[in-house]
């Protein structure tokens, strides 16, 4: 399995809701293909997704241009925006391409 495959590209609103409403903690990357900072932080997210410490978490990504209804519903104003959900509830959020803050957020939710 390649590194890329651990971060799942969500293709529909129903698929997105299925992930965020699950009891499994889900880390969501809201990104755009034209967003430079999104391209910079993407390998960091992929590395976290492949870390055995976070094997119990789902990692998904949402293209804000393809699923604009989802990004509007979630109130996405800047990319990248990372949100963490459990059981349909947002439990954390990070705006911006900050590798240290992203790792800290994922580590924190994995320990809860």
PDB file of N, CA and C in Angstrom:
ATOM      1  N   UNK A   1       0.849  -1.183   0.000  1.00  0.00           N
ATOM      2  CA  UNK A   1       0.000   0.000   0.000  1.00  0.00           C
ATOM      3  C   UNK A   1       0.891   1.242   0.000  1.00  0.00           C
ATOM      4  N   UNK A   2       0.594   2.160  -0.870  1.00  0.00           N
ATOM      5  CA  UNK A   2       1.390   3.384  -0.930  1.00  0.00           C
ATOM      6  C   UNK A   2       0.980   4.316   0.205  1.00  0.00           C
ATOM      7  N   UNK A   3       1.829   5.284   0.462  1.00  0.00           N
ATOM      8  CA  UNK A   3       1.567   6.262   1.516  1.00  0.00           C
ATOM      9  C   UNK A   3       0.261   7.001   1.239  1.00  0.00           C
ATOM     10  N   UNK A   4       0.027   7.371  -0.003  1.00  0.00           N
ATOM     11  CA  UNK A   4      -1.135   8.163  -0.401  1.00  0.00           C
ATOM     12  C   UNK A   4      -2.458   7.491  -0.020  1.00  0.00           C
ATOM     13  N   UNK A   5      -2.520   6.173  -0.091  1.00  0.00           N
ATOM     14  CA  UNK A   5      -3.778   5.460   0.085  1.00  0.00           C
ATOM     15  C   UNK A   5      -4.332   5.506   1.502  1.00  0.00           C
ATOM     16  N   UNK A   6      -3.548   5.871   2.480  1.00  0.00           N
ATOM     17  CA  UNK A   6      -4.037   5.948   3.861  1.00  0.00           C
ATOM     18  C   UNK A   6      -4.906   7.183   4.082  1.00  0.00           C
ATOM     19  N   UNK A   7      -4.728   8.210   3.248  1.00  0.00           N
ATOM     20  CA  UNK A   7      -5.565   9.403   3.316  1.00  0.00           C
ATOM     21  C   UNK A   7      -6.581   9.271   2.182  1.00  0.00           C
ATOM     22  N   UNK A   8      -7.833   9.063   2.546  1.00  0.00           N
ATOM     23  CA  UNK A   8      -8.872   8.743   1.570  1.00  0.00           C
ATOM     24  C   UNK A   8      -9.495  10.016   1.009  1.00  0.00           C
ATOM     25  N   UNK A   9      -9.553  10.110  -0.318  1.00  0.00           N
ATOM     26  CA  UNK A   9     -10.233  11.227  -0.980  1.00  0.00           C
ATOM     27  C   UNK A   9     -11.729  10.951  -0.976  1.00  0.00           C
ATOM     28  N   UNK A  10     -12.472  11.823  -0.328  1.00  0.00           N
ATOM     29  CA  UNK A  10     -13.919  11.678  -0.243  1.00  0.00           C
ATOM     30  C   UNK A  10     -14.543  12.277  -1.500  1.00  0.00           C
ATOM     31  N   UNK A  11     -15.465  11.532  -2.101  1.00  0.00           N
ATOM     32  CA  UNK A  11     -16.038  11.937  -3.386  1.00  0.00           C
ATOM     33  C   UNK A  11     -17.488  12.400  -3.309  1.00  0.00           C
ATOM     34  N   UNK A  12     -18.124  12.280  -2.136  1.00  0.00           N
ATOM     35  CA  UNK A  12     -19.531  12.683  -2.034  1.00  0.00           C
ATOM     36  C   UNK A  12     -19.845  13.161  -0.619  1.00  0.00           C
ATOM     37  N   UNK A  13     -20.946  13.907  -0.517  1.00  0.00           N
ATOM     38  CA  UNK A  13     -21.387  14.378   0.798  1.00  0.00           C
ATOM     39  C   UNK A  13     -21.775  13.196   1.688  1.00  0.00           C
ATOM     40  N   UNK A  14     -22.404  12.183   1.093  1.00  0.00           N
ATOM     41  CA  UNK A  14     -22.803  11.002   1.867  1.00  0.00           C
ATOM     42  C   UNK A  14     -21.578  10.274   2.418  1.00  0.00           C
ATOM     43  N   UNK A  15     -20.536  10.154   1.610  1.00  0.00           N
ATOM     44  CA  UNK A  15     -19.309   9.497   2.063  1.00  0.00           C
ATOM     45  C   UNK A  15     -18.674  10.299   3.200  1.00  0.00           C
ATOM     46  N   UNK A  16     -18.631  11.631   3.044  1.00  0.00           N
ATOM     47  CA  UNK A  16     -18.094  12.513   4.081  1.00  0.00           C
ATOM     48  C   UNK A  16     -18.846  12.308   5.395  1.00  0.00           C
ATOM     49  N   UNK A  17     -20.178  12.345   5.324  1.00  0.00           N
ATOM     50  CA  UNK A  17     -20.989  12.200   6.540  1.00  0.00           C
ATOM     51  C   UNK A  17     -20.794  10.830   7.174  1.00  0.00           C
ATOM     52  N   UNK A  18     -20.622   9.805   6.345  1.00  0.00           N
ATOM     53  CA  UNK A  18     -20.373   8.467   6.870  1.00  0.00           C
ATOM     54  C   UNK A  18     -19.120   8.416   7.725  1.00  0.00           C
ATOM     55  N   UNK A  19     -18.077   9.098   7.270  1.00  0.00           N
ATOM     56  CA  UNK A  19     -16.831   9.125   8.042  1.00  0.00           C
ATOM     57  C   UNK A  19     -16.978   9.938   9.321  1.00  0.00           C
ATOM     58  N   UNK A  20     -17.509  11.169   9.209  1.00  0.00           N
ATOM     59  CA  UNK A  20     -17.514  12.028  10.401  1.00  0.00           C
ATOM     60  C   UNK A  20     -18.517  11.568  11.450  1.00  0.00           C
ATOM     61  N   UNK A  21     -19.543  10.822  11.045  1.00  0.00           N
ATOM     62  CA  UNK A  21     -20.537  10.351  12.005  1.00  0.00           C
ATOM     63  C   UNK A  21     -20.154   9.020  12.646  1.00  0.00           C
ATOM     64  N   UNK A  22     -19.051   8.432  12.191  1.00  0.00           N
ATOM     65  CA  UNK A  22     -18.631   7.150  12.764  1.00  0.00           C
ATOM     66  C   UNK A  22     -18.059   7.378  14.164  1.00  0.00           C
ATOM     67  N   UNK A  23     -17.996   6.303  14.939  1.00  0.00           N
ATOM     68  CA  UNK A  23     -17.431   6.387  16.288  1.00  0.00           C
ATOM     69  C   UNK A  23     -15.911   6.470  16.255  1.00  0.00           C
ATOM     70  N   UNK A  24     -15.335   6.184  15.100  1.00  0.00           N
ATOM     71  CA  UNK A  24     -13.887   6.261  14.938  1.00  0.00           C
ATOM     72  C   UNK A  24     -13.500   7.728  14.718  1.00  0.00           C
ATOM     73  N   UNK A  25     -12.447   8.175  15.368  1.00  0.00           N
ATOM     74  CA  UNK A  25     -11.975   9.552  15.193  1.00  0.00           C
ATOM     75  C   UNK A  25     -11.545   9.743  13.739  1.00  0.00           C
ATOM     76  N   UNK A  26     -12.016  10.827  13.124  1.00  0.00           N
ATOM     77  CA  UNK A  26     -11.707  11.111  11.724  1.00  0.00           C
ATOM     78  C   UNK A  26     -11.063  12.481  11.596  1.00  0.00           C
ATOM     79  N   UNK A  27      -9.875  12.502  10.989  1.00  0.00           N
ATOM     80  CA  UNK A  27      -9.153  13.742  10.702  1.00  0.00           C
ATOM     81  C   UNK A  27      -9.474  14.115   9.257  1.00  0.00           C
ATOM     82  N   UNK A  28      -9.985  15.332   9.056  1.00  0.00           N
ATOM     83  CA  UNK A  28     -10.392  15.783   7.728  1.00  0.00           C
ATOM     84  C   UNK A  28      -9.489  16.923   7.271  1.00  0.00           C
ATOM     85  N   UNK A  29      -8.965  16.793   6.056  1.00  0.00           N
ATOM     86  CA  UNK A  29      -8.163  17.834   5.413  1.00  0.00           C
ATOM     87  C   UNK A  29      -9.021  18.471   4.331  1.00  0.00           C
ATOM     88  N   UNK A  30      -9.438  19.726   4.551  1.00  0.00           N
ATOM     89  CA  UNK A  30     -10.145  20.483   3.521  1.00  0.00           C
ATOM     90  C   UNK A  30      -9.085  21.228   2.719  1.00  0.00           C
ATOM     91  N   UNK A  31      -8.987  20.916   1.429  1.00  0.00           N
ATOM     92  CA  UNK A  31      -7.911  21.455   0.600  1.00  0.00           C
ATOM     93  C   UNK A  31      -8.449  21.867  -0.769  1.00  0.00           C
ATOM     94  N   UNK A  32      -7.583  22.525  -1.539  1.00  0.00           N
ATOM     95  CA  UNK A  32      -7.880  22.847  -2.938  1.00  0.00           C
ATOM     96  C   UNK A  32      -6.647  22.502  -3.766  1.00  0.00           C
ATOM     97  N   UNK A  33      -6.862  22.007  -4.984  1.00  0.00           N
ATOM     98  CA  UNK A  33      -5.726  21.591  -5.817  1.00  0.00           C
ATOM     99  C   UNK A  33      -4.819  22.769  -6.172  1.00  0.00           C
ATOM    100  N   UNK A  34      -5.360  23.980  -6.191  1.00  0.00           N
ATOM    101  CA  UNK A  34      -4.583  25.167  -6.554  1.00  0.00           C
ATOM    102  C   UNK A  34      -3.896  25.818  -5.344  1.00  0.00           C
ATOM    103  N   UNK A  35      -4.080  25.249  -4.165  1.00  0.00           N
ATOM    104  CA  UNK A  35      -3.579  25.836  -2.913  1.00  0.00           C
ATOM    105  C   UNK A  35      -2.147  25.379  -2.637  1.00  0.00           C
ATOM    106  N   UNK A  36      -1.195  26.296  -2.725  1.00  0.00           N
ATOM    107  CA  UNK A  36       0.214  25.984  -2.479  1.00  0.00           C
ATOM    108  C   UNK A  36       0.485  25.411  -1.097  1.00  0.00           C
ATOM    109  N   UNK A  37       0.015  26.069  -0.019  1.00  0.00           N
ATOM    110  CA  UNK A  37       0.240  25.529   1.322  1.00  0.00           C
ATOM    111  C   UNK A  37      -0.362  24.129   1.511  1.00  0.00           C
ATOM    112  N   UNK A  38      -1.460  23.840   0.807  1.00  0.00           N
ATOM    113  CA  UNK A  38      -2.069  22.501   0.887  1.00  0.00           C
ATOM    114  C   UNK A  38      -1.107  21.448   0.350  1.00  0.00           C
ATOM    115  N   UNK A  39      -0.421  21.786  -0.739  1.00  0.00           N
ATOM    116  CA  UNK A  39       0.544  20.856  -1.339  1.00  0.00           C
ATOM    117  C   UNK A  39       1.727  20.632  -0.409  1.00  0.00           C
ATOM    118  N   UNK A  40       2.116  21.663   0.323  1.00  0.00           N
ATOM    119  CA  UNK A  40       3.251  21.564   1.242  1.00  0.00           C
ATOM    120  C   UNK A  40       2.916  20.671   2.439  1.00  0.00           C
ATOM    121  N   UNK A  41       1.718  20.795   2.980  1.00  0.00           N
ATOM    122  CA  UNK A  41       1.351  20.054   4.193  1.00  0.00           C
ATOM    123  C   UNK A  41       0.860  18.634   3.891  1.00  0.00           C
ATOM    124  N   UNK A  42       0.463  18.362   2.670  1.00  0.00           N
ATOM    125  CA  UNK A  42      -0.077  17.047   2.307  1.00  0.00           C
ATOM    126  C   UNK A  42       0.832  15.877   2.690  1.00  0.00           C
ATOM    127  N   UNK A  43       2.151  15.933   2.406  1.00  0.00           N
ATOM    128  CA  UNK A  43       3.018  14.814   2.812  1.00  0.00           C
ATOM    129  C   UNK A  43       3.085  14.626   4.330  1.00  0.00           C
ATOM    130  N   UNK A  44       2.917  15.703   5.085  1.00  0.00           N
ATOM    131  CA  UNK A  44       2.919  15.610   6.551  1.00  0.00           C
ATOM    132  C   UNK A  44       1.695  14.816   7.007  1.00  0.00           C
ATOM    133  N   UNK A  45       0.538  15.124   6.431  1.00  0.00           N
ATOM    134  CA  UNK A  45      -0.684  14.393   6.776  1.00  0.00           C
ATOM    135  C   UNK A  45      -0.554  12.923   6.386  1.00  0.00           C
ATOM    136  N   UNK A  46       0.000  12.660   5.219  1.00  0.00           N
ATOM    137  CA  UNK A  46       0.182  11.279   4.761  1.00  0.00           C
ATOM    138  C   UNK A  46       1.104  10.508   5.706  1.00  0.00           C
ATOM    139  N   UNK A  47       2.144  11.175   6.186  1.00  0.00           N
ATOM    140  CA  UNK A  47       3.067  10.527   7.123  1.00  0.00           C
ATOM    141  C   UNK A  47       2.352  10.196   8.437  1.00  0.00           C
ATOM    142  N   UNK A  48       1.549  11.126   8.933  1.00  0.00           N
ATOM    143  CA  UNK A  48       0.784  10.877  10.155  1.00  0.00           C
ATOM    144  C   UNK A  48      -0.183   9.709   9.952  1.00  0.00           C
ATOM    145  N   UNK A  49      -0.835   9.675   8.800  1.00  0.00           N
ATOM    146  CA  UNK A  49      -1.802   8.611   8.505  1.00  0.00           C
ATOM    147  C   UNK A  49      -1.139   7.242   8.472  1.00  0.00           C
ATOM    148  N   UNK A  50       0.137   7.207   8.134  1.00  0.00           N
ATOM    149  CA  UNK A  50       0.869   5.946   8.055  1.00  0.00           C
ATOM    150  C   UNK A  50       1.594   5.585   9.348  1.00  0.00           C
ATOM    151  N   UNK A  51       1.530   6.466  10.346  1.00  0.00           N
ATOM    152  CA  UNK A  51       2.186   6.220  11.626  1.00  0.00           C
ATOM    153  C   UNK A  51       1.343   5.231  12.431  1.00  0.00           C
ATOM    154  N   UNK A  52       1.957   4.162  12.909  1.00  0.00           N
ATOM    155  CA  UNK A  52       1.218   3.134  13.656  1.00  0.00           C
ATOM    156  C   UNK A  52       0.559   3.698  14.917  1.00  0.00           C
ATOM    157  N   UNK A  53       1.097   4.796  15.433  1.00  0.00           N
ATOM    158  CA  UNK A  53       0.514   5.444  16.616  1.00  0.00           C
ATOM    159  C   UNK A  53      -0.913   5.921  16.338  1.00  0.00           C
ATOM    160  N   UNK A  54      -1.204   6.204  15.065  1.00  0.00           N
ATOM    161  CA  UNK A  54      -2.511   6.751  14.690  1.00  0.00           C
ATOM    162  C   UNK A  54      -3.327   5.772  13.845  1.00  0.00           C
ATOM    163  N   UNK A  55      -3.026   4.484  13.955  1.00  0.00           N
ATOM    164  CA  UNK A  55      -3.685   3.465  13.133  1.00  0.00           C
ATOM    165  C   UNK A  55      -5.193   3.391  13.378  1.00  0.00           C
ATOM    166  N   UNK A  56      -5.642   3.823  14.549  1.00  0.00           N
ATOM    167  CA  UNK A  56      -7.068   3.739  14.879  1.00  0.00           C
ATOM    168  C   UNK A  56      -7.870   4.931  14.354  1.00  0.00           C
ATOM    169  N   UNK A  57      -7.216   5.887  13.711  1.00  0.00           N
ATOM    170  CA  UNK A  57      -7.893   7.078  13.212  1.00  0.00           C
ATOM    171  C   UNK A  57      -8.150   6.955  11.717  1.00  0.00           C
ATOM    172  N   UNK A  58      -9.245   7.572  11.254  1.00  0.00           N
ATOM    173  CA  UNK A  58      -9.488   7.738   9.821  1.00  0.00           C
ATOM    174  C   UNK A  58      -8.853   9.050   9.388  1.00  0.00           C
ATOM    175  N   UNK A  59      -8.271   9.067   8.217  1.00  0.00           N
ATOM    176  CA  UNK A  59      -7.744  10.290   7.618  1.00  0.00           C
ATOM    177  C   UNK A  59      -8.400  10.445   6.253  1.00  0.00           C
ATOM    178  N   UNK A  60      -9.127  11.562   6.066  1.00  0.00           N
ATOM    179  CA  UNK A  60      -9.780  11.802   4.784  1.00  0.00           C
ATOM    180  C   UNK A  60      -9.447  13.201   4.300  1.00  0.00           C
ATOM    181  N   UNK A  61      -9.613  13.417   2.985  1.00  0.00           N
ATOM    182  CA  UNK A  61      -9.415  14.751   2.443  1.00  0.00           C
ATOM    183  C   UNK A  61     -10.592  15.111   1.560  1.00  0.00           C
ATOM    184  N   UNK A  62     -10.948  16.397   1.609  1.00  0.00           N
ATOM    185  CA  UNK A  62     -12.094  16.918   0.880  1.00  0.00           C
ATOM    186  C   UNK A  62     -11.618  18.061  -0.003  1.00  0.00           C
ATOM    187  N   UNK A  63     -11.799  17.907  -1.313  1.00  0.00           N
ATOM    188  CA  UNK A  63     -11.495  18.975  -2.269  1.00  0.00           C
ATOM    189  C   UNK A  63     -12.636  19.985  -2.182  1.00  0.00           C
ATOM    190  N   UNK A  64     -12.344  21.193  -1.699  1.00  0.00           N
ATOM    191  CA  UNK A  64     -13.395  22.182  -1.450  1.00  0.00           C
ATOM    192  C   UNK A  64     -14.082  22.643  -2.732  1.00  0.00           C
ATOM    193  N   UNK A  65     -13.415  22.501  -3.870  1.00  0.00           N
ATOM    194  CA  UNK A  65     -14.038  22.888  -5.136  1.00  0.00           C
ATOM    195  C   UNK A  65     -14.980  21.800  -5.657  1.00  0.00           C
ATOM    196  N   UNK A  66     -14.633  20.535  -5.436  1.00  0.00           N
ATOM    197  CA  UNK A  66     -15.498  19.427  -5.871  1.00  0.00           C
ATOM    198  C   UNK A  66     -16.699  19.267  -4.950  1.00  0.00           C
ATOM    199  N   UNK A  67     -16.479  19.415  -3.654  1.00  0.00           N
ATOM    200  CA  UNK A  67     -17.560  19.256  -2.673  1.00  0.00           C
ATOM    201  C   UNK A  67     -17.819  20.594  -1.983  1.00  0.00           C
ATOM    202  N   UNK A  68     -18.174  21.589  -2.798  1.00  0.00           N
ATOM    203  CA  UNK A  68     -18.369  22.938  -2.262  1.00  0.00           C
ATOM    204  C   UNK A  68     -19.529  22.999  -1.275  1.00  0.00           C
ATOM    205  N   UNK A  69     -20.520  22.110  -1.424  1.00  0.00           N
ATOM    206  CA  UNK A  69     -21.625  22.085  -0.464  1.00  0.00           C
ATOM    207  C   UNK A  69     -21.140  21.657   0.921  1.00  0.00           C
ATOM    208  N   UNK A  70     -20.213  20.695   0.964  1.00  0.00           N
ATOM    209  CA  UNK A  70     -19.650  20.232   2.235  1.00  0.00           C
ATOM    210  C   UNK A  70     -18.801  21.331   2.860  1.00  0.00           C
ATOM    211  N   UNK A  71     -17.936  21.950   2.051  1.00  0.00           N
ATOM    212  CA  UNK A  71     -17.065  22.997   2.598  1.00  0.00           C
ATOM    213  C   UNK A  71     -17.884  24.193   3.080  1.00  0.00           C
ATOM    214  N   UNK A  72     -18.969  24.522   2.383  1.00  0.00           N
ATOM    215  CA  UNK A  72     -19.834  25.621   2.826  1.00  0.00           C
ATOM    216  C   UNK A  72     -20.522  25.260   4.143  1.00  0.00           C
ATOM    217  N   UNK A  73     -21.027  24.037   4.232  1.00  0.00           N
ATOM    218  CA  UNK A  73     -21.707  23.586   5.448  1.00  0.00           C
ATOM    219  C   UNK A  73     -20.760  23.586   6.647  1.00  0.00           C
ATOM    220  N   UNK A  74     -19.493  23.272   6.412  1.00  0.00           N
ATOM    221  CA  UNK A  74     -18.497  23.222   7.483  1.00  0.00           C
ATOM    222  C   UNK A  74     -17.890  24.598   7.772  1.00  0.00           C
ATOM    223  N   UNK A  75     -18.243  25.597   6.971  1.00  0.00           N
ATOM    224  CA  UNK A  75     -17.755  26.954   7.209  1.00  0.00           C
ATOM    225  C   UNK A  75     -16.298  27.158   6.845  1.00  0.00           C
ATOM    226  N   UNK A  76     -15.817  26.434   5.840  1.00  0.00           N
ATOM    227  CA  UNK A  76     -14.416  26.543   5.433  1.00  0.00           C
ATOM    228  C   UNK A  76     -14.196  27.880   4.734  1.00  0.00           C
ATOM    229  N   UNK A  77     -13.257  28.656   5.250  1.00  0.00           N
ATOM    230  CA  UNK A  77     -12.946  29.974   4.690  1.00  0.00           C
ATOM    231  C   UNK A  77     -11.523  30.058   4.167  1.00  0.00           C
ATOM    232  N   UNK A  78     -10.650  29.152   4.613  1.00  0.00           N
ATOM    233  CA  UNK A  78      -9.239  29.167   4.206  1.00  0.00           C
ATOM    234  C   UNK A  78      -8.759  27.728   4.083  1.00  0.00           C
ATOM    235  N   UNK A  79      -7.789  27.539   3.207  1.00  0.00           N
ATOM    236  CA  UNK A  79      -7.210  26.215   3.035  1.00  0.00           C
ATOM    237  C   UNK A  79      -5.716  26.282   3.308  1.00  0.00           C
ATOM    238  N   UNK A  80      -5.159  25.216   3.882  1.00  0.00           N
ATOM    239  CA  UNK A  80      -5.896  24.052   4.362  1.00  0.00           C
ATOM    240  C   UNK A  80      -6.556  24.316   5.713  1.00  0.00           C
ATOM    241  N   UNK A  81      -7.673  23.654   5.918  1.00  0.00           N
ATOM    242  CA  UNK A  81      -8.313  23.606   7.230  1.00  0.00           C
ATOM    243  C   UNK A  81      -8.431  22.139   7.608  1.00  0.00           C
ATOM    244  N   UNK A  82      -8.019  21.823   8.816  1.00  0.00           N
ATOM    245  CA  UNK A  82      -8.114  20.458   9.329  1.00  0.00           C
ATOM    246  C   UNK A  82      -9.146  20.444  10.445  1.00  0.00           C
ATOM    247  N   UNK A  83     -10.041  19.466  10.393  1.00  0.00           N
ATOM    248  CA  UNK A  83     -11.028  19.286  11.456  1.00  0.00           C
ATOM    249  C   UNK A  83     -10.969  17.840  11.921  1.00  0.00           C
ATOM    250  N   UNK A  84     -11.281  17.646  13.194  1.00  0.00           N
ATOM    251  CA  UNK A  84     -11.328  16.301  13.757  1.00  0.00           C
ATOM    252  C   UNK A  84     -12.746  16.066  14.268  1.00  0.00           C
ATOM    253  N   UNK A  85     -13.318  14.926  13.867  1.00  0.00           N
ATOM    254  CA  UNK A  85     -14.676  14.566  14.256  1.00  0.00           C
ATOM    255  C   UNK A  85     -14.693  13.223  14.966  1.00  0.00           C
ATOM    256  N   UNK A  86     -15.648  13.085  15.880  1.00  0.00           N
ATOM    257  CA  UNK A  86     -15.932  11.786  16.493  1.00  0.00           C
ATOM    258  C   UNK A  86     -17.427  11.731  16.752  1.00  0.00           C
ATOM    259  N   UNK A  87     -18.068  10.711  16.228  1.00  0.00           N
ATOM    260  CA  UNK A  87     -19.505  10.553  16.438  1.00  0.00           C
ATOM    261  C   UNK A  87     -20.321  11.726  15.947  1.00  0.00           C
ATOM    262  N   UNK A  88     -19.885  12.361  14.858  1.00  0.00           N
ATOM    263  CA  UNK A  88     -20.617  13.480  14.278  1.00  0.00           C
ATOM    264  C   UNK A  88     -20.315  14.827  14.903  1.00  0.00           C
ATOM    265  N   UNK A  89     -19.528  14.850  15.961  1.00  0.00           N
ATOM    266  CA  UNK A  89     -19.189  16.100  16.648  1.00  0.00           C
ATOM    267  C   UNK A  89     -17.780  16.545  16.290  1.00  0.00           C
ATOM    268  N   UNK A  90     -17.640  17.833  15.989  1.00  0.00           N
ATOM    269  CA  UNK A  90     -16.297  18.371  15.753  1.00  0.00           C
ATOM    270  C   UNK A  90     -15.611  18.528  17.096  1.00  0.00           C
ATOM    271  N   UNK A  91     -14.421  17.929  17.238  1.00  0.00           N
ATOM    272  CA  UNK A  91     -13.711  17.988  18.513  1.00  0.00           C
ATOM    273  C   UNK A  91     -12.449  18.841  18.447  1.00  0.00           C
ATOM    274  N   UNK A  92     -12.014  19.200  17.239  1.00  0.00           N
ATOM    275  CA  UNK A  92     -10.833  20.050  17.111  1.00  0.00           C
ATOM    276  C   UNK A  92     -10.764  20.619  15.709  1.00  0.00           C
ATOM    277  N   UNK A  93     -10.008  21.723  15.556  1.00  0.00           N
ATOM    278  CA  UNK A  93      -9.865  22.378  14.257  1.00  0.00           C
ATOM    279  C   UNK A  93      -8.531  23.111  14.207  1.00  0.00           C
ATOM    280  N   UNK A  94      -7.942  23.128  13.024  1.00  0.00           N
ATOM    281  CA  UNK A  94      -6.692  23.842  12.785  1.00  0.00           C
ATOM    282  C   UNK A  94      -6.763  24.455  11.397  1.00  0.00           C
ATOM    283  N   UNK A  95      -6.494  25.748  11.306  1.00  0.00           N
ATOM    284  CA  UNK A  95      -6.458  26.422  10.010  1.00  0.00           C
ATOM    285  C   UNK A  95      -5.017  26.773   9.698  1.00  0.00           C
ATOM    286  N   UNK A  96      -4.567  26.390   8.499  1.00  0.00           N
ATOM    287  CA  UNK A  96      -3.218  26.726   8.062  1.00  0.00           C
ATOM    288  C   UNK A  96      -2.316  25.515   7.960  1.00  0.00           C
ATOM    289  N   UNK A  97      -1.220  25.711   7.238  1.00  0.00           N
ATOM    290  CA  UNK A  97      -0.254  24.634   6.987  1.00  0.00           C
ATOM    291  C   UNK A  97       0.859  24.686   8.023  1.00  0.00           C
ATOM    292  N   UNK A  98       0.558  24.224   9.227  1.00  0.00           N
ATOM    293  CA  UNK A  98       1.517  24.229  10.323  1.00  0.00           C
ATOM    294  C   UNK A  98       1.784  22.781  10.741  1.00  0.00           C
ATOM    295  N   UNK A  99       2.884  22.176  10.243  1.00  0.00           N
ATOM    296  CA  UNK A  99       3.145  20.762  10.517  1.00  0.00           C
ATOM    297  C   UNK A  99       3.185  20.416  12.005  1.00  0.00           C
ATOM    298  N   UNK A 100       3.836  21.240  12.818  1.00  0.00           N
ATOM    299  CA  UNK A 100       3.932  20.969  14.252  1.00  0.00           C
ATOM    300  C   UNK A 100       2.575  20.982  14.927  1.00  0.00           C
ATOM    301  N   UNK A 101       1.758  21.969  14.583  1.00  0.00           N
ATOM    302  CA  UNK A 101       0.422  22.070  15.176  1.00  0.00           C
ATOM    303  C   UNK A 101      -0.475  20.924  14.711  1.00  0.00           C
ATOM    304  N   UNK A 102      -0.322  20.505  13.453  1.00  0.00           N
ATOM    305  CA  UNK A 102      -1.113  19.385  12.940  1.00  0.00           C
ATOM    306  C   UNK A 102      -0.768  18.103  13.687  1.00  0.00           C
ATOM    307  N   UNK A 103       0.522  17.850  13.845  1.00  0.00           N
ATOM    308  CA  UNK A 103       0.947  16.635  14.563  1.00  0.00           C
ATOM    309  C   UNK A 103       0.465  16.685  16.016  1.00  0.00           C
ATOM    310  N   UNK A 104       0.571  17.849  16.653  1.00  0.00           N
ATOM    311  CA  UNK A 104       0.124  17.991  18.042  1.00  0.00           C
ATOM    312  C   UNK A 104      -1.379  17.729  18.164  1.00  0.00           C
ATOM    313  N   UNK A 105      -2.159  18.249  17.221  1.00  0.00           N
ATOM    314  CA  UNK A 105      -3.606  18.057  17.254  1.00  0.00           C
ATOM    315  C   UNK A 105      -3.957  16.575  17.086  1.00  0.00           C
ATOM    316  N   UNK A 106      -3.332  15.916  16.114  1.00  0.00           N
ATOM    317  CA  UNK A 106      -3.609  14.499  15.867  1.00  0.00           C
ATOM    318  C   UNK A 106      -3.178  13.655  17.072  1.00  0.00           C
ATOM    319  N   UNK A 107      -2.027  13.975  17.640  1.00  0.00           N
ATOM    320  CA  UNK A 107      -1.542  13.248  18.820  1.00  0.00           C
ATOM    321  C   UNK A 107      -2.525  13.402  19.979  1.00  0.00           C
ATOM    322  N   UNK A 108      -3.015  14.615  20.190  1.00  0.00           N
ATOM    323  CA  UNK A 108      -3.948  14.887  21.286  1.00  0.00           C
ATOM    324  C   UNK A 108      -5.234  14.079  21.131  1.00  0.00           C
ATOM    325  N   UNK A 109      -5.819  14.083  19.936  1.00  0.00           N
ATOM    326  CA  UNK A 109      -7.086  13.360  19.764  1.00  0.00           C
ATOM    327  C   UNK A 109      -6.883  11.851  19.810  1.00  0.00           C
ATOM    328  N   UNK A 110      -5.711  11.386  19.413  1.00  0.00           N
ATOM    329  CA  UNK A 110      -5.430   9.944  19.454  1.00  0.00           C
ATOM    330  C   UNK A 110      -5.329   9.449  20.891  1.00  0.00           C
ATOM    331  N   UNK A 111      -4.960  10.335  21.810  1.00  0.00           N
ATOM    332  CA  UNK A 111      -4.778   9.958  23.212  1.00  0.00           C
ATOM    333  C   UNK A 111      -6.060  10.078  24.027  1.00  0.00           C
ATOM    334  N   UNK A 112      -7.100  10.630  23.448  1.00  0.00           N
ATOM    335  CA  UNK A 112      -8.353  10.829  24.188  1.00  0.00           C
ATOM    336  C   UNK A 112      -9.179   9.569  24.220  1.00  0.00           C
TER     337      UNK A 112
END
